């Protein structure tokens, strides 16, 4: 039975195995896709398919910065267990994916999967499938962010949290040690304090109105506020909102290394020291596994299954 390139692609989509392995399986199976799937399973190459439905909410956030090209990348690669996340082979693979993002500038994860992995002659997806087979867990590339221009990156806790911060300044300023130290400090601030917005101007109007409504409702429930004139209540609401902004907006937060300064004041002080202008333009904070369903292991059931 003959087969076409579409058959090879169809087999790849069903099994997640590389193109050449799919072609070889179809050759060995005389073009029969079902037999080709069995062939791949016997060879162990379709193991990735069987693992694809398993929860992968552990893993690492890896970072890469190309200082020459001024390209910074964060990427989150998930595994099933924290044990694998700490594996040197897995961490090196995650870093190579970040390097690939820097070099290729893919539009999304699908485009990244189809790109050739840096240091390899095969695609990212094919290398990912190799790792699934060798490590024995479901692995997934969840997300990435790539930025060009002066940047700072910071990875905390061996990859539990990663931060990328973008700045606007000239190349001479970005090359100074003072700027690099400041960039890392700001990235560490974001990692520790997890601000929701860059500044107050970044907060959507409906979110701000919602927060004001919450404060107003709290005041209405407070017996001490029952006879206060509206002008006084409005002042209290404004004060509480200003306090909230200092908690949720990065540049208005207290700088953790010197709480006499806000983050904005700290950046300005470094700019003044260097004699240049520095503006923070944005940031991304990845915490590995955030928002994902976590795997729940029952130790007693696991031991019982082993005994059986």
C-alpha atoms as a PDB file:
ATOM      1  CA  UNK A   1       0.000   0.000   0.000  1.00  0.00           C
ATOM      2  CA  UNK A   2       1.428   3.413  -0.970  1.00  0.00           C
ATOM      3  CA  UNK A   3       1.164   6.574   1.125  1.00  0.00           C
ATOM      4  CA  UNK A   4       1.472  10.306   0.650  1.00  0.00           C
ATOM      5  CA  UNK A   5       2.978  13.249   2.511  1.00  0.00           C
ATOM      6  CA  UNK A   6      -0.500  13.922   3.898  1.00  0.00           C
ATOM      7  CA  UNK A   7      -0.496  10.440   5.441  1.00  0.00           C
ATOM      8  CA  UNK A   8       2.835  11.194   7.100  1.00  0.00           C
ATOM      9  CA  UNK A   9       1.448  14.467   8.460  1.00  0.00           C
ATOM     10  CA  UNK A  10      -1.721  12.735   9.671  1.00  0.00           C
ATOM     11  CA  UNK A  11       0.332  10.119  11.509  1.00  0.00           C
ATOM     12  CA  UNK A  12       2.453  12.828  13.076  1.00  0.00           C
ATOM     13  CA  UNK A  13      -0.636  14.674  14.301  1.00  0.00           C
ATOM     14  CA  UNK A  14      -2.054  11.504  15.841  1.00  0.00           C
ATOM     15  CA  UNK A  15       1.155  10.392  17.545  1.00  0.00           C
ATOM     16  CA  UNK A  16       3.264  13.517  18.067  1.00  0.00           C
ATOM     17  CA  UNK A  17       6.262  11.677  16.612  1.00  0.00           C
ATOM     18  CA  UNK A  18       8.810  13.256  14.229  1.00  0.00           C
ATOM     19  CA  UNK A  19       8.247  13.273  10.450  1.00  0.00           C
ATOM     20  CA  UNK A  20      11.046  10.864   9.595  1.00  0.00           C
ATOM     21  CA  UNK A  21       9.964   8.371  12.251  1.00  0.00           C
ATOM     22  CA  UNK A  22       6.393   8.587  10.917  1.00  0.00           C
ATOM     23  CA  UNK A  23       7.614   7.997   7.360  1.00  0.00           C
ATOM     24  CA  UNK A  24       9.687   4.986   8.442  1.00  0.00           C
ATOM     25  CA  UNK A  25       6.707   3.582  10.335  1.00  0.00           C
ATOM     26  CA  UNK A  26       4.486   3.887   7.255  1.00  0.00           C
ATOM     27  CA  UNK A  27       7.149   2.197   5.132  1.00  0.00           C
ATOM     28  CA  UNK A  28       7.388  -0.657   7.654  1.00  0.00           C
ATOM     29  CA  UNK A  29       3.581  -0.900   7.814  1.00  0.00           C
ATOM     30  CA  UNK A  30       2.969  -0.759   4.055  1.00  0.00           C
ATOM     31  CA  UNK A  31       1.161   2.583   4.362  1.00  0.00           C
ATOM     32  CA  UNK A  32      -1.428   1.391   6.909  1.00  0.00           C
ATOM     33  CA  UNK A  33      -1.769   4.208   9.501  1.00  0.00           C
ATOM     34  CA  UNK A  34      -3.249   2.014  12.252  1.00  0.00           C
ATOM     35  CA  UNK A  35      -0.443  -0.507  11.855  1.00  0.00           C
ATOM     36  CA  UNK A  36       2.052   2.361  11.761  1.00  0.00           C
ATOM     37  CA  UNK A  37       0.737   3.585  15.126  1.00  0.00           C
ATOM     38  CA  UNK A  38       1.204   0.096  16.584  1.00  0.00           C
ATOM     39  CA  UNK A  39       4.703   0.017  15.071  1.00  0.00           C
ATOM     40  CA  UNK A  40       5.583   3.309  16.753  1.00  0.00           C
ATOM     41  CA  UNK A  41       4.183   2.120  20.057  1.00  0.00           C
ATOM     42  CA  UNK A  42       6.241  -1.050  19.869  1.00  0.00           C
ATOM     43  CA  UNK A  43       9.294   1.084  19.209  1.00  0.00           C
ATOM     44  CA  UNK A  44       8.376   3.332  22.131  1.00  0.00           C
ATOM     45  CA  UNK A  45       8.210   6.376  19.891  1.00  0.00           C
ATOM     46  CA  UNK A  46       4.540   7.080  20.540  1.00  0.00           C
ATOM     47  CA  UNK A  47       4.971   7.231  24.286  1.00  0.00           C
ATOM     48  CA  UNK A  48       4.498  10.990  24.106  1.00  0.00           C
ATOM     49  CA  UNK A  49       0.947  10.461  22.871  1.00  0.00           C
ATOM     50  CA  UNK A  50       0.035   8.349  25.866  1.00  0.00           C
ATOM     51  CA  UNK A  51       1.495  10.916  28.255  1.00  0.00           C
ATOM     52  CA  UNK A  52      -0.064  13.956  26.560  1.00  0.00           C
ATOM     53  CA  UNK A  53      -3.164  13.983  28.756  1.00  0.00           C
ATOM     54  CA  UNK A  54      -1.250  13.884  32.025  1.00  0.00           C
ATOM     55  CA  UNK A  55      -1.069  17.049  34.124  1.00  0.00           C
ATOM     56  CA  UNK A  56       2.165  18.993  33.729  1.00  0.00           C
ATOM     57  CA  UNK A  57       2.097  21.951  36.132  1.00  0.00           C
ATOM     58  CA  UNK A  58       5.622  21.793  37.520  1.00  0.00           C
ATOM     59  CA  UNK A  59       8.713  22.768  35.524  1.00  0.00           C
ATOM     60  CA  UNK A  60      10.878  25.869  35.206  1.00  0.00           C
ATOM     61  CA  UNK A  61      10.930  29.397  33.924  1.00  0.00           C
ATOM     62  CA  UNK A  62      14.160  29.821  31.944  1.00  0.00           C
ATOM     63  CA  UNK A  63      15.696  33.135  30.870  1.00  0.00           C
ATOM     64  CA  UNK A  64      18.160  34.080  28.162  1.00  0.00           C
ATOM     65  CA  UNK A  65      19.707  37.437  27.297  1.00  0.00           C
ATOM     66  CA  UNK A  66      21.700  38.092  24.147  1.00  0.00           C
ATOM     67  CA  UNK A  67      23.718  41.119  25.230  1.00  0.00           C
ATOM     68  CA  UNK A  68      25.094  41.761  21.736  1.00  0.00           C
ATOM     69  CA  UNK A  69      21.683  41.750  20.104  1.00  0.00           C
ATOM     70  CA  UNK A  70      19.890  43.138  23.169  1.00  0.00           C
ATOM     71  CA  UNK A  71      17.257  40.421  23.043  1.00  0.00           C
ATOM     72  CA  UNK A  72      15.784  39.048  26.277  1.00  0.00           C
ATOM     73  CA  UNK A  73      13.575  35.970  26.605  1.00  0.00           C
ATOM     74  CA  UNK A  74      11.547  34.197  29.266  1.00  0.00           C
ATOM     75  CA  UNK A  75      10.063  30.768  28.587  1.00  0.00           C
ATOM     76  CA  UNK A  76       8.035  28.415  30.768  1.00  0.00           C
ATOM     77  CA  UNK A  77       8.481  24.682  30.185  1.00  0.00           C
ATOM     78  CA  UNK A  78       6.305  22.378  32.271  1.00  0.00           C
ATOM     79  CA  UNK A  79       6.872  18.883  33.610  1.00  0.00           C
ATOM     80  CA  UNK A  80       4.748  16.587  35.747  1.00  0.00           C
ATOM     81  CA  UNK A  81       6.984  16.591  38.822  1.00  0.00           C
ATOM     82  CA  UNK A  82       9.306  18.949  40.653  1.00  0.00           C
ATOM     83  CA  UNK A  83      11.912  16.177  40.606  1.00  0.00           C
ATOM     84  CA  UNK A  84      12.204  16.426  36.825  1.00  0.00           C
ATOM     85  CA  UNK A  85      12.129  20.242  36.994  1.00  0.00           C
ATOM     86  CA  UNK A  86      15.358  20.105  39.007  1.00  0.00           C
ATOM     87  CA  UNK A  87      17.014  17.733  36.534  1.00  0.00           C
ATOM     88  CA  UNK A  88      20.045  19.327  34.842  1.00  0.00           C
ATOM     89  CA  UNK A  89      19.131  17.828  31.441  1.00  0.00           C
ATOM     90  CA  UNK A  90      15.628  19.295  31.620  1.00  0.00           C
ATOM     91  CA  UNK A  91      16.898  22.719  32.693  1.00  0.00           C
ATOM     92  CA  UNK A  92      19.480  22.777  29.886  1.00  0.00           C
ATOM     93  CA  UNK A  93      16.717  21.915  27.418  1.00  0.00           C
ATOM     94  CA  UNK A  94      14.549  24.774  28.720  1.00  0.00           C
ATOM     95  CA  UNK A  95      17.474  27.171  28.294  1.00  0.00           C
ATOM     96  CA  UNK A  96      18.036  25.989  24.712  1.00  0.00           C
ATOM     97  CA  UNK A  97      14.370  26.731  23.989  1.00  0.00           C
ATOM     98  CA  UNK A  98      14.831  30.266  25.343  1.00  0.00           C
ATOM     99  CA  UNK A  99      17.886  30.690  23.092  1.00  0.00           C
ATOM    100  CA  UNK A 100      15.822  29.488  20.142  1.00  0.00           C
ATOM    101  CA  UNK A 101      13.139  32.082  20.858  1.00  0.00           C
ATOM    102  CA  UNK A 102      15.829  34.774  20.927  1.00  0.00           C
ATOM    103  CA  UNK A 103      17.307  33.619  17.624  1.00  0.00           C
ATOM    104  CA  UNK A 104      14.142  32.792  15.650  1.00  0.00           C
ATOM    105  CA  UNK A 105      11.557  35.237  17.070  1.00  0.00           C
ATOM    106  CA  UNK A 106       8.592  32.850  16.597  1.00  0.00           C
ATOM    107  CA  UNK A 107       5.075  34.266  16.550  1.00  0.00           C
ATOM    108  CA  UNK A 108       3.675  31.764  19.052  1.00  0.00           C
ATOM    109  CA  UNK A 109       4.301  28.376  20.685  1.00  0.00           C
ATOM    110  CA  UNK A 110       3.193  26.501  17.551  1.00  0.00           C
ATOM    111  CA  UNK A 111       5.747  28.394  15.449  1.00  0.00           C
ATOM    112  CA  UNK A 112       8.369  27.741  18.122  1.00  0.00           C
ATOM    113  CA  UNK A 113       7.622  24.006  18.038  1.00  0.00           C
ATOM    114  CA  UNK A 114       8.247  23.968  14.295  1.00  0.00           C
ATOM    115  CA  UNK A 115      11.521  25.937  14.530  1.00  0.00           C
ATOM    116  CA  UNK A 116      14.919  24.251  14.548  1.00  0.00           C
ATOM    117  CA  UNK A 117      16.235  24.063  18.106  1.00  0.00           C
ATOM    118  CA  UNK A 118      19.479  25.967  18.682  1.00  0.00           C
ATOM    119  CA  UNK A 119      22.361  23.474  18.716  1.00  0.00           C
ATOM    120  CA  UNK A 120      20.296  20.830  16.910  1.00  0.00           C
ATOM    121  CA  UNK A 121      19.302  19.893  13.373  1.00  0.00           C
ATOM    122  CA  UNK A 122      15.778  18.918  14.435  1.00  0.00           C
ATOM    123  CA  UNK A 123      12.726  20.910  15.437  1.00  0.00           C
ATOM    124  CA  UNK A 124      11.893  21.994  18.967  1.00  0.00           C
ATOM    125  CA  UNK A 125       8.906  19.623  18.921  1.00  0.00           C
ATOM    126  CA  UNK A 126      11.020  16.643  17.876  1.00  0.00           C
ATOM    127  CA  UNK A 127      13.522  17.397  20.637  1.00  0.00           C
ATOM    128  CA  UNK A 128      10.653  17.793  23.103  1.00  0.00           C
ATOM    129  CA  UNK A 129       9.343  14.358  22.140  1.00  0.00           C
ATOM    130  CA  UNK A 130      12.823  12.918  22.640  1.00  0.00           C
ATOM    131  CA  UNK A 131      12.878  14.357  26.148  1.00  0.00           C
ATOM    132  CA  UNK A 132       9.415  12.935  26.908  1.00  0.00           C
ATOM    133  CA  UNK A 133      10.714   9.499  25.948  1.00  0.00           C
ATOM    134  CA  UNK A 134      14.004   9.759  27.847  1.00  0.00           C
ATOM    135  CA  UNK A 135      12.616  11.459  30.962  1.00  0.00           C
ATOM    136  CA  UNK A 136       9.338   9.558  31.064  1.00  0.00           C
ATOM    137  CA  UNK A 137       7.005  12.454  31.846  1.00  0.00           C
ATOM    138  CA  UNK A 138       4.646  14.679  29.929  1.00  0.00           C
ATOM    139  CA  UNK A 139       6.485  17.907  29.044  1.00  0.00           C
ATOM    140  CA  UNK A 140       4.983  21.051  27.528  1.00  0.00           C
ATOM    141  CA  UNK A 141       6.200  24.425  26.342  1.00  0.00           C
ATOM    142  CA  UNK A 142       3.529  26.671  27.814  1.00  0.00           C
ATOM    143  CA  UNK A 143       4.477  30.262  26.956  1.00  0.00           C
ATOM    144  CA  UNK A 144       7.267  32.691  26.227  1.00  0.00           C
ATOM    145  CA  UNK A 145       7.933  36.398  25.946  1.00  0.00           C
ATOM    146  CA  UNK A 146      10.654  38.088  23.890  1.00  0.00           C
ATOM    147  CA  UNK A 147      11.802  41.705  24.121  1.00  0.00           C
ATOM    148  CA  UNK A 148      14.291  43.751  22.137  1.00  0.00           C
ATOM    149  CA  UNK A 149      16.183  46.722  23.532  1.00  0.00           C
ATOM    150  CA  UNK A 150      17.621  47.475  26.985  1.00  0.00           C
ATOM    151  CA  UNK A 151      16.270  44.830  29.345  1.00  0.00           C
ATOM    152  CA  UNK A 152      16.851  43.083  32.635  1.00  0.00           C
ATOM    153  CA  UNK A 153      16.013  39.488  33.535  1.00  0.00           C
ATOM    154  CA  UNK A 154      15.898  37.672  36.837  1.00  0.00           C
ATOM    155  CA  UNK A 155      15.093  34.063  37.703  1.00  0.00           C
ATOM    156  CA  UNK A 156      14.270  33.144  41.282  1.00  0.00           C
ATOM    157  CA  UNK A 157      14.326  29.830  43.090  1.00  0.00           C
ATOM    158  CA  UNK A 158      15.887  27.754  40.337  1.00  0.00           C
ATOM    159  CA  UNK A 159      13.135  28.671  37.891  1.00  0.00           C
ATOM    160  CA  UNK A 160      10.035  29.038  40.078  1.00  0.00           C
ATOM    161  CA  UNK A 161       9.628  32.682  39.036  1.00  0.00           C
ATOM    162  CA  UNK A 162      11.100  34.603  36.115  1.00  0.00           C
ATOM    163  CA  UNK A 163      10.921  38.307  35.336  1.00  0.00           C
ATOM    164  CA  UNK A 164      11.754  40.342  32.235  1.00  0.00           C
ATOM    165  CA  UNK A 165      11.786  44.143  32.439  1.00  0.00           C
ATOM    166  CA  UNK A 166      12.043  46.482  29.452  1.00  0.00           C
ATOM    167  CA  UNK A 167      13.584  49.952  29.633  1.00  0.00           C
ATOM    168  CA  UNK A 168      13.930  52.926  27.350  1.00  0.00           C
ATOM    169  CA  UNK A 169      17.418  54.462  27.390  1.00  0.00           C
ATOM    170  CA  UNK A 170      20.517  54.808  25.213  1.00  0.00           C
ATOM    171  CA  UNK A 171      23.026  52.016  24.584  1.00  0.00           C
ATOM    172  CA  UNK A 172      25.794  53.725  26.531  1.00  0.00           C
ATOM    173  CA  UNK A 173      23.601  53.888  29.646  1.00  0.00           C
ATOM    174  CA  UNK A 174      22.424  50.290  29.219  1.00  0.00           C
ATOM    175  CA  UNK A 175      26.046  49.090  29.184  1.00  0.00           C
ATOM    176  CA  UNK A 176      26.908  50.610  32.592  1.00  0.00           C
ATOM    177  CA  UNK A 177      27.127  48.509  35.735  1.00  0.00           C
ATOM    178  CA  UNK A 178      24.839  50.988  37.519  1.00  0.00           C
ATOM    179  CA  UNK A 179      22.085  50.350  34.976  1.00  0.00           C
ATOM    180  CA  UNK A 180      22.546  46.570  35.136  1.00  0.00           C
ATOM    181  CA  UNK A 181      22.360  46.616  38.931  1.00  0.00           C
ATOM    182  CA  UNK A 182      19.256  48.795  38.823  1.00  0.00           C
ATOM    183  CA  UNK A 183      17.611  46.526  36.244  1.00  0.00           C
ATOM    184  CA  UNK A 184      18.210  43.440  38.366  1.00  0.00           C
ATOM    185  CA  UNK A 185      16.920  45.252  41.471  1.00  0.00           C
ATOM    186  CA  UNK A 186      13.685  46.189  39.702  1.00  0.00           C
ATOM    187  CA  UNK A 187      13.274  42.641  38.350  1.00  0.00           C
ATOM    188  CA  UNK A 188      13.757  41.252  41.859  1.00  0.00           C
ATOM    189  CA  UNK A 189      11.161  43.722  43.139  1.00  0.00           C
ATOM    190  CA  UNK A 190       8.664  42.379  40.611  1.00  0.00           C
ATOM    191  CA  UNK A 191       9.500  38.781  41.509  1.00  0.00           C
ATOM    192  CA  UNK A 192       8.977  39.457  45.219  1.00  0.00           C
ATOM    193  CA  UNK A 193       6.033  41.881  45.202  1.00  0.00           C
ATOM    194  CA  UNK A 194       4.123  40.696  42.097  1.00  0.00           C
ATOM    195  CA  UNK A 195       2.661  44.068  41.064  1.00  0.00           C
ATOM    196  CA  UNK A 196      -0.460  43.893  38.925  1.00  0.00           C
ATOM    197  CA  UNK A 197       0.226  47.012  36.838  1.00  0.00           C
ATOM    198  CA  UNK A 198       3.159  49.129  35.722  1.00  0.00           C
ATOM    199  CA  UNK A 199       1.615  52.414  36.918  1.00  0.00           C
ATOM    200  CA  UNK A 200      -1.764  53.963  37.712  1.00  0.00           C
ATOM    201  CA  UNK A 201      -2.258  54.942  34.060  1.00  0.00           C
ATOM    202  CA  UNK A 202      -2.116  51.234  33.153  1.00  0.00           C
ATOM    203  CA  UNK A 203      -5.134  50.352  35.293  1.00  0.00           C
ATOM    204  CA  UNK A 204      -8.329  49.984  33.217  1.00  0.00           C
ATOM    205  CA  UNK A 205     -11.002  52.525  34.146  1.00  0.00           C
ATOM    206  CA  UNK A 206     -13.552  49.829  34.995  1.00  0.00           C
ATOM    207  CA  UNK A 207     -11.102  48.171  37.412  1.00  0.00           C
ATOM    208  CA  UNK A 208     -10.474  51.480  39.164  1.00  0.00           C
ATOM    209  CA  UNK A 209     -14.208  52.166  39.434  1.00  0.00           C
ATOM    210  CA  UNK A 210     -14.766  48.676  40.813  1.00  0.00           C
ATOM    211  CA  UNK A 211     -12.159  49.246  43.533  1.00  0.00           C
ATOM    212  CA  UNK A 212     -13.741  52.597  44.414  1.00  0.00           C
ATOM    213  CA  UNK A 213     -17.100  50.852  44.669  1.00  0.00           C
ATOM    214  CA  UNK A 214     -15.657  48.274  47.062  1.00  0.00           C
ATOM    215  CA  UNK A 215     -14.247  50.987  49.330  1.00  0.00           C
ATOM    216  CA  UNK A 216     -17.539  52.934  49.212  1.00  0.00           C
ATOM    217  CA  UNK A 217     -19.472  49.795  50.180  1.00  0.00           C
ATOM    218  CA  UNK A 218     -17.119  49.195  53.125  1.00  0.00           C
ATOM    219  CA  UNK A 219     -17.685  52.742  54.342  1.00  0.00           C
ATOM    220  CA  UNK A 220     -21.461  52.334  54.131  1.00  0.00           C
ATOM    221  CA  UNK A 221     -21.196  49.280  56.384  1.00  0.00           C
ATOM    222  CA  UNK A 222     -19.125  51.159  58.959  1.00  0.00           C
ATOM    223  CA  UNK A 223     -21.365  52.726  61.662  1.00  0.00           C
ATOM    224  CA  UNK A 224     -18.694  55.354  62.368  1.00  0.00           C
ATOM    225  CA  UNK A 225     -19.154  56.713  58.850  1.00  0.00           C
ATOM    226  CA  UNK A 226     -22.946  56.987  58.976  1.00  0.00           C
ATOM    227  CA  UNK A 227     -23.115  60.744  59.609  1.00  0.00           C
ATOM    228  CA  UNK A 228     -20.047  61.796  57.634  1.00  0.00           C
ATOM    229  CA  UNK A 229     -20.674  64.288  54.808  1.00  0.00           C
ATOM    230  CA  UNK A 230     -20.119  63.006  51.272  1.00  0.00           C
ATOM    231  CA  UNK A 231     -17.116  65.294  50.821  1.00  0.00           C
ATOM    232  CA  UNK A 232     -15.374  63.577  53.734  1.00  0.00           C
ATOM    233  CA  UNK A 233     -16.297  60.132  52.426  1.00  0.00           C
ATOM    234  CA  UNK A 234     -14.928  61.024  48.978  1.00  0.00           C
ATOM    235  CA  UNK A 235     -11.662  62.067  50.611  1.00  0.00           C
ATOM    236  CA  UNK A 236     -11.432  58.792  52.504  1.00  0.00           C
ATOM    237  CA  UNK A 237     -12.120  56.833  49.302  1.00  0.00           C
ATOM    238  CA  UNK A 238      -9.421  58.768  47.432  1.00  0.00           C
ATOM    239  CA  UNK A 239      -6.930  58.103  50.233  1.00  0.00           C
ATOM    240  CA  UNK A 240      -7.640  54.383  50.280  1.00  0.00           C
ATOM    241  CA  UNK A 241      -7.322  54.189  46.483  1.00  0.00           C
ATOM    242  CA  UNK A 242      -3.949  55.962  46.653  1.00  0.00           C
ATOM    243  CA  UNK A 243      -2.822  53.405  49.219  1.00  0.00           C
ATOM    244  CA  UNK A 244      -4.015  50.600  46.958  1.00  0.00           C
ATOM    245  CA  UNK A 245      -2.077  52.035  44.003  1.00  0.00           C
ATOM    246  CA  UNK A 246       1.114  51.884  46.046  1.00  0.00           C
ATOM    247  CA  UNK A 247       0.521  48.172  46.483  1.00  0.00           C
ATOM    248  CA  UNK A 248      -0.504  47.110  42.986  1.00  0.00           C
ATOM    249  CA  UNK A 249       1.465  49.517  40.731  1.00  0.00           C
ATOM    250  CA  UNK A 250       5.153  48.744  40.281  1.00  0.00           C
ATOM    251  CA  UNK A 251       6.543  52.269  40.009  1.00  0.00           C
ATOM    252  CA  UNK A 252       4.518  53.434  43.017  1.00  0.00           C
ATOM    253  CA  UNK A 253       5.513  50.543  45.283  1.00  0.00           C
ATOM    254  CA  UNK A 254       8.030  51.081  48.062  1.00  0.00           C
ATOM    255  CA  UNK A 255      11.426  49.941  46.842  1.00  0.00           C
ATOM    256  CA  UNK A 256      12.165  46.819  48.912  1.00  0.00           C
ATOM    257  CA  UNK A 257      15.889  47.578  49.275  1.00  0.00           C
ATOM    258  CA  UNK A 258      15.228  51.120  50.486  1.00  0.00           C
ATOM    259  CA  UNK A 259      11.678  51.777  51.681  1.00  0.00           C
ATOM    260  CA  UNK A 260      12.292  55.513  51.799  1.00  0.00           C
ATOM    261  CA  UNK A 261      12.063  55.472  47.995  1.00  0.00           C
ATOM    262  CA  UNK A 262       9.422  54.353  45.536  1.00  0.00           C
ATOM    263  CA  UNK A 263      10.553  52.211  42.598  1.00  0.00           C
ATOM    264  CA  UNK A 264      10.144  55.235  40.306  1.00  0.00           C
ATOM    265  CA  UNK A 265      12.302  57.362  42.615  1.00  0.00           C
ATOM    266  CA  UNK A 266      14.959  54.641  42.711  1.00  0.00           C
ATOM    267  CA  UNK A 267      15.106  54.458  38.919  1.00  0.00           C
ATOM    268  CA  UNK A 268      15.301  58.254  38.719  1.00  0.00           C
ATOM    269  CA  UNK A 269      18.142  58.337  41.248  1.00  0.00           C
ATOM    270  CA  UNK A 270      20.171  55.867  39.160  1.00  0.00           C
ATOM    271  CA  UNK A 271      19.457  57.865  35.992  1.00  0.00           C
ATOM    272  CA  UNK A 272      20.674  61.004  37.722  1.00  0.00           C
ATOM    273  CA  UNK A 273      23.817  59.211  38.916  1.00  0.00           C
ATOM    274  CA  UNK A 274      24.604  58.062  35.375  1.00  0.00           C
ATOM    275  CA  UNK A 275      23.586  61.391  33.874  1.00  0.00           C
ATOM    276  CA  UNK A 276      21.029  59.957  31.486  1.00  0.00           C
ATOM    277  CA  UNK A 277      17.310  59.283  31.046  1.00  0.00           C
ATOM    278  CA  UNK A 278      15.876  55.889  32.010  1.00  0.00           C
ATOM    279  CA  UNK A 279      12.239  54.929  31.624  1.00  0.00           C
ATOM    280  CA  UNK A 280      10.682  51.586  32.467  1.00  0.00           C
ATOM    281  CA  UNK A 281       8.322  50.622  29.644  1.00  0.00           C
ATOM    282  CA  UNK A 282       6.956  47.243  30.704  1.00  0.00           C
ATOM    283  CA  UNK A 283       7.534  43.916  32.397  1.00  0.00           C
ATOM    284  CA  UNK A 284       6.479  40.275  32.373  1.00  0.00           C
ATOM    285  CA  UNK A 285       6.400  37.995  35.403  1.00  0.00           C
ATOM    286  CA  UNK A 286       6.038  34.220  34.950  1.00  0.00           C
ATOM    287  CA  UNK A 287       5.466  31.964  37.951  1.00  0.00           C
ATOM    288  CA  UNK A 288       5.755  28.349  36.883  1.00  0.00           C
ATOM    289  CA  UNK A 289       2.469  26.500  36.923  1.00  0.00           C
ATOM    290  CA  UNK A 290       0.368  29.542  37.867  1.00  0.00           C
ATOM    291  CA  UNK A 291      -3.240  29.016  36.835  1.00  0.00           C
ATOM    292  CA  UNK A 292      -2.697  25.362  35.946  1.00  0.00           C
ATOM    293  CA  UNK A 293      -4.419  22.416  37.559  1.00  0.00           C
ATOM    294  CA  UNK A 294      -2.026  20.755  39.975  1.00  0.00           C
ATOM    295  CA  UNK A 295      -1.445  17.042  40.073  1.00  0.00           C
ATOM    296  CA  UNK A 296      -2.826  15.415  43.231  1.00  0.00           C
ATOM    297  CA  UNK A 297      -0.899  12.342  44.253  1.00  0.00           C
ATOM    298  CA  UNK A 298      -2.359   9.940  46.798  1.00  0.00           C
ATOM    299  CA  UNK A 299       0.631   8.279  48.467  1.00  0.00           C
ATOM    300  CA  UNK A 300      -1.433   5.481  50.048  1.00  0.00           C
ATOM    301  CA  UNK A 301      -3.042   4.576  46.720  1.00  0.00           C
ATOM    302  CA  UNK A 302       0.343   4.678  45.005  1.00  0.00           C
ATOM    303  CA  UNK A 303       1.853   2.241  47.511  1.00  0.00           C
ATOM    304  CA  UNK A 304      -1.191  -0.010  47.279  1.00  0.00           C
ATOM    305  CA  UNK A 305      -0.903  -0.142  43.498  1.00  0.00           C
ATOM    306  CA  UNK A 306       2.763  -1.081  43.791  1.00  0.00           C
ATOM    307  CA  UNK A 307       1.933  -3.910  46.205  1.00  0.00           C
ATOM    308  CA  UNK A 308      -0.687  -5.256  43.791  1.00  0.00           C
END
